[in-house]
């Protein structure tokens, strides 16, 4: 996540569209692994194996990273435009870009729902660990939502 944050800093500092596209590509390499790694972490935390969904999550991340790295900035996928007179921000121009964003949210939500279910069926120390883990993830996602 730190490298995604570094990419976001340089996106904000970019003075040209080309530079912003480079840093958006850099940031997406790491940013699109966030929900996948979060979901994987919840599986390990809960001592569960859901290999099919986990493999799909990793496939999603790798596929989107490849497509983003190749096509970000292309008008058929997602363009990068200046907003507020200073920040270059991607604008989806295809259903594919929007679909991948929805999948990103899907895995983030599934991980959180799994934690809530785990909290409900545990007690004692395990329940406390789940509560603290959930709170830390909420803080992390809220903090991350403040970045572009």
N, C-alpha and C. Protein backbone atom coordinates (compact mmCIF):
# COMPACT_ATOMS: atom_id res chain seq x y z
N UNK A 1 0.82 -1.19 0.00
CA UNK A 1 0.00 0.00 0.00
C UNK A 1 0.86 1.25 0.00
N UNK A 2 2.01 1.16 0.57
CA UNK A 2 2.89 2.33 0.61
C UNK A 2 3.28 2.77 -0.80
N UNK A 3 3.53 1.81 -1.67
CA UNK A 3 3.92 2.18 -3.04
C UNK A 3 2.75 2.79 -3.81
N UNK A 4 1.54 2.34 -3.50
CA UNK A 4 0.36 2.99 -4.09
C UNK A 4 0.30 4.44 -3.62
N UNK A 5 0.56 4.66 -2.34
CA UNK A 5 0.57 6.01 -1.80
C UNK A 5 1.64 6.89 -2.43
N UNK A 6 2.83 6.32 -2.64
CA UNK A 6 3.91 7.06 -3.32
C UNK A 6 3.46 7.46 -4.72
N UNK A 7 2.83 6.52 -5.43
CA UNK A 7 2.32 6.83 -6.76
C UNK A 7 1.32 7.97 -6.72
N UNK A 8 0.45 7.95 -5.71
CA UNK A 8 -0.56 9.02 -5.58
C UNK A 8 0.08 10.37 -5.30
N UNK A 9 1.14 10.38 -4.51
CA UNK A 9 1.85 11.64 -4.25
C UNK A 9 2.39 12.21 -5.56
N UNK A 10 3.03 11.35 -6.36
CA UNK A 10 3.60 11.83 -7.62
C UNK A 10 2.53 12.18 -8.65
N UNK A 11 1.36 11.55 -8.56
CA UNK A 11 0.25 11.97 -9.42
C UNK A 11 -0.09 13.42 -9.11
N UNK A 12 -0.20 13.72 -7.83
CA UNK A 12 -0.53 15.09 -7.42
C UNK A 12 0.54 16.10 -7.78
N UNK A 13 1.79 15.66 -7.86
CA UNK A 13 2.89 16.56 -8.21
C UNK A 13 3.14 16.68 -9.71
N UNK A 14 2.46 15.84 -10.49
CA UNK A 14 2.69 15.82 -11.95
C UNK A 14 2.31 17.15 -12.59
N UNK A 15 3.21 17.61 -13.44
CA UNK A 15 3.00 18.86 -14.16
C UNK A 15 2.53 18.64 -15.59
N UNK A 16 2.56 17.39 -16.04
CA UNK A 16 2.13 17.10 -17.41
C UNK A 16 1.24 15.86 -17.42
N UNK A 17 0.46 15.76 -18.46
CA UNK A 17 -0.43 14.61 -18.62
C UNK A 17 0.38 13.31 -18.73
N UNK A 18 1.48 13.35 -19.46
CA UNK A 18 2.32 12.16 -19.65
C UNK A 18 2.89 11.67 -18.32
N UNK A 19 3.34 12.60 -17.51
CA UNK A 19 3.87 12.24 -16.20
C UNK A 19 2.77 11.65 -15.32
N UNK A 20 1.59 12.26 -15.37
CA UNK A 20 0.46 11.76 -14.57
C UNK A 20 0.07 10.35 -15.01
N UNK A 21 0.06 10.10 -16.31
CA UNK A 21 -0.28 8.76 -16.81
C UNK A 21 0.73 7.74 -16.29
N UNK A 22 2.02 8.10 -16.35
CA UNK A 22 3.05 7.19 -15.82
C UNK A 22 2.79 6.86 -14.37
N UNK A 23 2.53 7.88 -13.54
CA UNK A 23 2.33 7.65 -12.11
C UNK A 23 1.01 6.96 -11.81
N UNK A 24 -0.03 7.20 -12.62
CA UNK A 24 -1.27 6.45 -12.45
C UNK A 24 -1.03 4.97 -12.72
N UNK A 25 -0.26 4.67 -13.76
CA UNK A 25 0.06 3.27 -14.06
C UNK A 25 0.85 2.65 -12.92
N UNK A 26 1.80 3.39 -12.38
CA UNK A 26 2.60 2.91 -11.24
C UNK A 26 1.68 2.63 -10.05
N UNK A 27 0.80 3.57 -9.74
CA UNK A 27 -0.08 3.43 -8.57
C UNK A 27 -1.05 2.26 -8.75
N UNK A 28 -1.57 2.07 -9.97
CA UNK A 28 -2.53 0.99 -10.16
C UNK A 28 -1.89 -0.39 -10.02
N UNK A 29 -0.61 -0.49 -10.32
CA UNK A 29 0.07 -1.77 -10.13
C UNK A 29 -0.10 -2.24 -8.69
N UNK A 30 -0.01 -1.33 -7.77
CA UNK A 30 -0.12 -1.67 -6.35
C UNK A 30 -1.54 -1.52 -5.82
N UNK A 31 -2.26 -0.54 -6.32
CA UNK A 31 -3.60 -0.26 -5.82
C UNK A 31 -4.62 -1.35 -6.08
N UNK A 32 -4.46 -2.04 -7.20
CA UNK A 32 -5.44 -3.07 -7.51
C UNK A 32 -5.14 -4.40 -6.83
N UNK A 33 -4.06 -4.47 -6.09
CA UNK A 33 -3.82 -5.62 -5.24
C UNK A 33 -4.39 -5.41 -3.84
N UNK A 34 -4.81 -4.20 -3.52
CA UNK A 34 -5.29 -3.91 -2.16
C UNK A 34 -6.46 -4.80 -1.76
N UNK A 35 -7.56 -4.86 -2.52
CA UNK A 35 -8.67 -5.71 -2.05
C UNK A 35 -8.33 -7.20 -2.11
N UNK A 36 -7.49 -7.59 -3.06
CA UNK A 36 -7.10 -9.00 -3.17
C UNK A 36 -6.28 -9.41 -1.96
N UNK A 37 -5.29 -8.60 -1.60
CA UNK A 37 -4.47 -8.92 -0.43
C UNK A 37 -5.28 -8.81 0.86
N UNK A 38 -6.21 -7.88 0.90
CA UNK A 38 -7.09 -7.77 2.06
C UNK A 38 -7.95 -9.03 2.21
N UNK A 39 -8.55 -9.47 1.11
CA UNK A 39 -9.36 -10.68 1.15
C UNK A 39 -8.51 -11.89 1.55
N UNK A 40 -7.31 -11.98 1.00
CA UNK A 40 -6.40 -13.07 1.35
C UNK A 40 -6.07 -13.02 2.84
N UNK A 41 -5.82 -11.84 3.35
CA UNK A 41 -5.51 -11.67 4.78
C UNK A 41 -6.69 -12.11 5.65
N UNK A 42 -7.92 -11.79 5.23
CA UNK A 42 -9.08 -12.21 6.03
C UNK A 42 -9.21 -13.74 6.03
N UNK A 43 -8.88 -14.38 4.90
CA UNK A 43 -8.92 -15.84 4.87
C UNK A 43 -7.90 -16.45 5.83
N UNK A 44 -6.69 -15.91 5.81
CA UNK A 44 -5.64 -16.40 6.71
C UNK A 44 -6.04 -16.13 8.17
N UNK A 45 -6.54 -14.95 8.43
CA UNK A 45 -6.95 -14.58 9.78
C UNK A 45 -8.03 -15.52 10.31
N UNK A 46 -8.97 -15.87 9.45
CA UNK A 46 -10.08 -16.74 9.86
C UNK A 46 -9.75 -18.23 9.71
N UNK A 47 -8.53 -18.51 9.23
CA UNK A 47 -8.09 -19.90 9.02
C UNK A 47 -9.03 -20.65 8.09
N UNK A 48 -9.39 -20.00 6.98
CA UNK A 48 -10.31 -20.58 6.00
C UNK A 48 -9.60 -20.74 4.66
N UNK A 49 -10.09 -21.68 3.88
CA UNK A 49 -9.61 -21.88 2.51
C UNK A 49 -10.79 -21.66 1.56
N UNK A 50 -10.69 -20.66 0.76
CA UNK A 50 -11.68 -20.41 -0.29
C UNK A 50 -10.88 -20.16 -1.56
N UNK A 51 -10.22 -21.20 -2.02
CA UNK A 51 -9.24 -21.05 -3.09
C UNK A 51 -9.83 -20.54 -4.40
N UNK A 52 -11.05 -20.95 -4.73
CA UNK A 52 -11.64 -20.50 -6.00
C UNK A 52 -11.77 -18.99 -6.04
N UNK A 53 -12.38 -18.44 -5.02
CA UNK A 53 -12.58 -16.99 -4.99
C UNK A 53 -11.25 -16.25 -4.85
N UNK A 54 -10.33 -16.82 -4.09
CA UNK A 54 -9.02 -16.18 -3.94
C UNK A 54 -8.26 -16.19 -5.27
N UNK A 55 -8.31 -17.28 -5.99
CA UNK A 55 -7.67 -17.33 -7.31
C UNK A 55 -8.30 -16.32 -8.26
N UNK A 56 -9.63 -16.20 -8.17
CA UNK A 56 -10.31 -15.20 -9.01
C UNK A 56 -9.85 -13.79 -8.66
N UNK A 57 -9.65 -13.55 -7.38
CA UNK A 57 -9.21 -12.22 -6.94
C UNK A 57 -7.82 -11.91 -7.50
N UNK A 58 -6.91 -12.86 -7.42
CA UNK A 58 -5.57 -12.64 -7.96
C UNK A 58 -5.59 -12.52 -9.48
N UNK A 59 -6.43 -13.30 -10.14
CA UNK A 59 -6.57 -13.20 -11.59
C UNK A 59 -7.09 -11.83 -11.97
N UNK A 60 -8.07 -11.34 -11.23
CA UNK A 60 -8.61 -10.00 -11.46
C UNK A 60 -7.50 -8.95 -11.32
N UNK A 61 -6.73 -9.03 -10.25
CA UNK A 61 -5.68 -8.04 -10.02
C UNK A 61 -4.65 -8.04 -11.15
N UNK A 62 -4.17 -9.20 -11.49
CA UNK A 62 -3.14 -9.29 -12.53
C UNK A 62 -3.69 -8.83 -13.88
N UNK A 63 -4.91 -9.25 -14.22
CA UNK A 63 -5.52 -8.86 -15.49
C UNK A 63 -5.68 -7.35 -15.57
N UNK A 64 -6.21 -6.76 -14.51
CA UNK A 64 -6.43 -5.33 -14.56
C UNK A 64 -5.12 -4.55 -14.58
N UNK A 65 -4.14 -5.02 -13.87
CA UNK A 65 -2.85 -4.34 -13.88
C UNK A 65 -2.26 -4.35 -15.29
N UNK A 66 -2.34 -5.48 -15.95
CA UNK A 66 -1.82 -5.57 -17.32
C UNK A 66 -2.58 -4.62 -18.24
N UNK A 67 -3.92 -4.67 -18.17
CA UNK A 67 -4.72 -3.79 -19.04
C UNK A 67 -4.49 -2.32 -18.72
N UNK A 68 -4.42 -1.99 -17.44
CA UNK A 68 -4.19 -0.60 -17.06
C UNK A 68 -2.83 -0.10 -17.51
N UNK A 69 -1.83 -0.94 -17.34
CA UNK A 69 -0.48 -0.55 -17.73
C UNK A 69 -0.40 -0.32 -19.23
N UNK A 70 -1.10 -1.12 -19.99
CA UNK A 70 -1.05 -0.98 -21.45
C UNK A 70 -1.96 0.14 -21.93
N UNK A 71 -3.19 0.21 -21.41
CA UNK A 71 -4.20 1.06 -22.03
C UNK A 71 -4.57 2.33 -21.28
N UNK A 72 -4.10 2.55 -20.06
CA UNK A 72 -4.45 3.78 -19.35
C UNK A 72 -3.92 4.98 -20.13
N UNK A 73 -4.79 5.91 -20.42
CA UNK A 73 -4.44 7.06 -21.26
C UNK A 73 -4.98 6.91 -22.66
N UNK A 74 -5.38 5.70 -23.05
CA UNK A 74 -5.98 5.43 -24.35
C UNK A 74 -7.47 5.78 -24.27
N UNK A 75 -7.97 6.50 -25.24
CA UNK A 75 -9.36 6.95 -25.19
C UNK A 75 -10.37 5.80 -25.22
N UNK A 76 -9.94 4.61 -25.62
CA UNK A 76 -10.86 3.47 -25.64
C UNK A 76 -10.98 2.79 -24.28
N UNK A 77 -10.13 3.14 -23.33
CA UNK A 77 -10.13 2.49 -22.01
C UNK A 77 -10.38 3.51 -20.91
N UNK A 78 -9.46 4.41 -20.72
CA UNK A 78 -9.61 5.47 -19.72
C UNK A 78 -8.64 6.59 -20.06
N UNK A 79 -9.17 7.78 -20.16
CA UNK A 79 -8.32 8.93 -20.43
C UNK A 79 -7.92 9.56 -19.10
N UNK A 80 -6.92 10.40 -19.15
CA UNK A 80 -6.48 11.13 -17.96
C UNK A 80 -6.64 12.62 -18.28
N UNK A 81 -7.48 13.28 -17.48
CA UNK A 81 -7.77 14.69 -17.71
C UNK A 81 -7.45 15.50 -16.46
N UNK A 82 -7.15 16.76 -16.69
CA UNK A 82 -6.85 17.64 -15.56
C UNK A 82 -8.17 18.11 -14.94
N UNK A 83 -8.26 18.01 -13.62
CA UNK A 83 -9.43 18.50 -12.90
C UNK A 83 -8.98 19.51 -11.86
N UNK A 84 -9.85 20.43 -11.53
CA UNK A 84 -9.56 21.48 -10.55
C UNK A 84 -8.34 22.31 -10.93
N UNK A 85 -7.96 22.26 -12.19
CA UNK A 85 -6.84 23.05 -12.67
C UNK A 85 -5.47 22.59 -12.19
N UNK A 86 -5.41 21.41 -11.53
CA UNK A 86 -4.10 21.01 -11.03
C UNK A 86 -3.88 19.50 -10.98
N UNK A 87 -4.90 18.71 -10.84
CA UNK A 87 -4.75 17.27 -10.64
C UNK A 87 -5.20 16.51 -11.88
N UNK A 88 -4.38 15.57 -12.31
CA UNK A 88 -4.74 14.73 -13.45
C UNK A 88 -5.42 13.48 -12.91
N UNK A 89 -6.64 13.25 -13.39
CA UNK A 89 -7.45 12.16 -12.87
C UNK A 89 -7.99 11.32 -14.02
N UNK A 90 -8.00 9.97 -13.87
CA UNK A 90 -8.51 9.14 -14.96
C UNK A 90 -10.03 9.23 -15.08
N UNK A 91 -10.49 9.18 -16.30
CA UNK A 91 -11.92 9.17 -16.57
C UNK A 91 -12.21 7.94 -17.41
N UNK A 92 -13.07 7.09 -16.91
CA UNK A 92 -13.39 5.85 -17.60
C UNK A 92 -14.08 6.15 -18.92
N UNK A 93 -13.63 5.49 -19.97
CA UNK A 93 -14.25 5.62 -21.29
C UNK A 93 -14.72 4.27 -21.80
N UNK A 94 -14.67 3.26 -20.94
CA UNK A 94 -15.12 1.94 -21.36
C UNK A 94 -15.82 1.24 -20.21
N UNK A 95 -16.65 0.32 -20.56
CA UNK A 95 -17.34 -0.47 -19.54
C UNK A 95 -16.34 -1.35 -18.79
N UNK A 96 -15.26 -1.70 -19.44
CA UNK A 96 -14.24 -2.55 -18.81
C UNK A 96 -13.62 -1.87 -17.59
N UNK A 97 -13.28 -0.61 -17.72
CA UNK A 97 -12.70 0.14 -16.60
C UNK A 97 -13.69 0.19 -15.44
N UNK A 98 -14.94 0.47 -15.72
CA UNK A 98 -15.96 0.54 -14.67
C UNK A 98 -16.19 -0.83 -14.03
N UNK A 99 -16.16 -1.87 -14.84
CA UNK A 99 -16.35 -3.23 -14.33
C UNK A 99 -15.24 -3.60 -13.35
N UNK A 100 -14.01 -3.26 -13.69
CA UNK A 100 -12.90 -3.59 -12.80
C UNK A 100 -12.99 -2.82 -11.49
N UNK A 101 -13.50 -1.60 -11.53
CA UNK A 101 -13.68 -0.85 -10.30
C UNK A 101 -14.73 -1.51 -9.42
N UNK A 102 -15.81 -1.98 -10.03
CA UNK A 102 -16.84 -2.69 -9.27
C UNK A 102 -16.29 -3.98 -8.65
N UNK A 103 -15.43 -4.68 -9.38
CA UNK A 103 -14.82 -5.90 -8.84
C UNK A 103 -13.91 -5.55 -7.67
N UNK A 104 -13.19 -4.42 -7.75
CA UNK A 104 -12.35 -3.95 -6.65
C UNK A 104 -13.19 -3.82 -5.39
N UNK A 105 -14.34 -3.13 -5.52
CA UNK A 105 -15.22 -2.95 -4.37
C UNK A 105 -15.80 -4.29 -3.90
N UNK A 106 -16.11 -5.18 -4.81
CA UNK A 106 -16.65 -6.49 -4.46
C UNK A 106 -15.72 -7.22 -3.50
N UNK A 107 -14.43 -7.31 -3.83
CA UNK A 107 -13.51 -8.05 -2.96
C UNK A 107 -13.27 -7.32 -1.64
N UNK A 108 -13.30 -6.00 -1.65
CA UNK A 108 -13.15 -5.25 -0.40
C UNK A 108 -14.37 -5.50 0.50
N UNK A 109 -15.55 -5.52 -0.09
CA UNK A 109 -16.78 -5.75 0.68
C UNK A 109 -16.86 -7.18 1.18
N UNK A 110 -16.51 -8.15 0.32
CA UNK A 110 -16.54 -9.56 0.73
C UNK A 110 -15.61 -9.79 1.93
N UNK A 111 -14.42 -9.21 1.89
CA UNK A 111 -13.50 -9.35 3.01
C UNK A 111 -14.08 -8.80 4.30
N UNK A 112 -14.74 -7.64 4.21
CA UNK A 112 -15.35 -7.04 5.40
C UNK A 112 -16.54 -7.86 5.90
N UNK A 113 -17.35 -8.36 4.98
CA UNK A 113 -18.49 -9.19 5.39
C UNK A 113 -18.02 -10.47 6.06
N UNK A 114 -16.94 -11.05 5.55
CA UNK A 114 -16.38 -12.24 6.19
C UNK A 114 -15.91 -11.94 7.61
N UNK A 115 -15.33 -10.78 7.81
CA UNK A 115 -14.90 -10.40 9.16
C UNK A 115 -16.10 -10.22 10.10
N UNK A 116 -17.17 -9.63 9.58
CA UNK A 116 -18.38 -9.44 10.40
C UNK A 116 -18.96 -10.79 10.78
N UNK A 117 -19.04 -11.72 9.82
CA UNK A 117 -19.55 -13.07 10.11
C UNK A 117 -18.66 -13.78 11.13
N UNK A 118 -17.35 -13.62 10.98
CA UNK A 118 -16.41 -14.24 11.92
C UNK A 118 -16.59 -13.66 13.32
N UNK A 119 -16.81 -12.36 13.40
CA UNK A 119 -17.02 -11.71 14.69
C UNK A 119 -18.26 -12.28 15.39
N UNK A 120 -19.31 -12.53 14.61
CA UNK A 120 -20.57 -13.02 15.19
C UNK A 120 -20.47 -14.44 15.74
N UNK A 121 -19.58 -15.25 15.18
CA UNK A 121 -19.52 -16.66 15.60
C UNK A 121 -18.37 -16.95 16.56
N UNK A 122 -17.59 -15.95 16.90
CA UNK A 122 -16.48 -16.18 17.82
C UNK A 122 -16.78 -15.53 19.16
N UNK A 123 -15.96 -15.86 20.14
CA UNK A 123 -16.10 -15.23 21.45
C UNK A 123 -14.72 -15.07 22.09
N UNK A 124 -14.69 -14.37 23.19
CA UNK A 124 -13.45 -14.19 23.94
C UNK A 124 -12.37 -13.44 23.17
N UNK A 125 -11.16 -13.96 23.29
CA UNK A 125 -9.99 -13.31 22.69
C UNK A 125 -10.09 -13.24 21.17
N UNK A 126 -10.59 -14.29 20.55
CA UNK A 126 -10.72 -14.32 19.08
C UNK A 126 -11.69 -13.23 18.61
N UNK A 127 -12.74 -13.04 19.37
CA UNK A 127 -13.72 -11.99 19.02
C UNK A 127 -13.08 -10.60 19.13
N UNK A 128 -12.30 -10.38 20.18
CA UNK A 128 -11.61 -9.10 20.35
C UNK A 128 -10.61 -8.86 19.22
N UNK A 129 -9.87 -9.90 18.84
CA UNK A 129 -8.91 -9.76 17.73
C UNK A 129 -9.65 -9.39 16.44
N UNK A 130 -10.80 -10.01 16.22
CA UNK A 130 -11.58 -9.72 15.02
C UNK A 130 -12.09 -8.29 15.04
N UNK A 131 -12.54 -7.83 16.20
CA UNK A 131 -13.01 -6.45 16.33
C UNK A 131 -11.89 -5.46 16.03
N UNK A 132 -10.72 -5.66 16.62
CA UNK A 132 -9.61 -4.74 16.40
C UNK A 132 -9.10 -4.79 14.97
N UNK A 133 -9.08 -5.97 14.39
CA UNK A 133 -8.68 -6.12 12.99
C UNK A 133 -9.66 -5.38 12.08
N UNK A 134 -10.96 -5.52 12.36
CA UNK A 134 -11.99 -4.85 11.56
C UNK A 134 -11.87 -3.33 11.67
N UNK A 135 -11.65 -2.85 12.87
CA UNK A 135 -11.51 -1.40 13.07
C UNK A 135 -10.28 -0.88 12.33
N UNK A 136 -9.19 -1.62 12.40
CA UNK A 136 -7.97 -1.16 11.71
C UNK A 136 -8.16 -1.16 10.20
N UNK A 137 -8.89 -2.13 9.67
CA UNK A 137 -9.15 -2.17 8.24
C UNK A 137 -10.06 -1.01 7.83
N UNK A 138 -11.06 -0.71 8.66
CA UNK A 138 -11.95 0.42 8.39
C UNK A 138 -11.16 1.72 8.34
N UNK A 139 -10.28 1.92 9.29
CA UNK A 139 -9.45 3.12 9.31
C UNK A 139 -8.56 3.16 8.07
N UNK A 140 -7.99 2.03 7.71
CA UNK A 140 -7.13 1.97 6.52
C UNK A 140 -7.88 2.30 5.25
N UNK A 141 -9.05 1.72 5.07
CA UNK A 141 -9.84 2.00 3.86
C UNK A 141 -10.34 3.43 3.84
N UNK A 142 -10.73 3.97 5.00
CA UNK A 142 -11.15 5.38 5.05
C UNK A 142 -9.99 6.31 4.71
N UNK A 143 -8.82 6.01 5.25
CA UNK A 143 -7.64 6.81 4.92
C UNK A 143 -7.28 6.73 3.46
N UNK A 144 -7.36 5.54 2.89
CA UNK A 144 -7.06 5.36 1.48
C UNK A 144 -8.06 6.05 0.58
N UNK A 145 -9.30 6.18 1.05
CA UNK A 145 -10.31 6.84 0.23
C UNK A 145 -10.08 8.34 0.11
N UNK A 146 -9.19 8.87 0.92
CA UNK A 146 -8.87 10.30 0.84
C UNK A 146 -7.89 10.61 -0.28
N UNK A 147 -7.26 9.56 -0.84
CA UNK A 147 -6.33 9.75 -1.95
C UNK A 147 -7.09 9.68 -3.26
N UNK A 148 -6.46 10.16 -4.34
CA UNK A 148 -7.16 10.13 -5.64
C UNK A 148 -7.50 8.73 -6.09
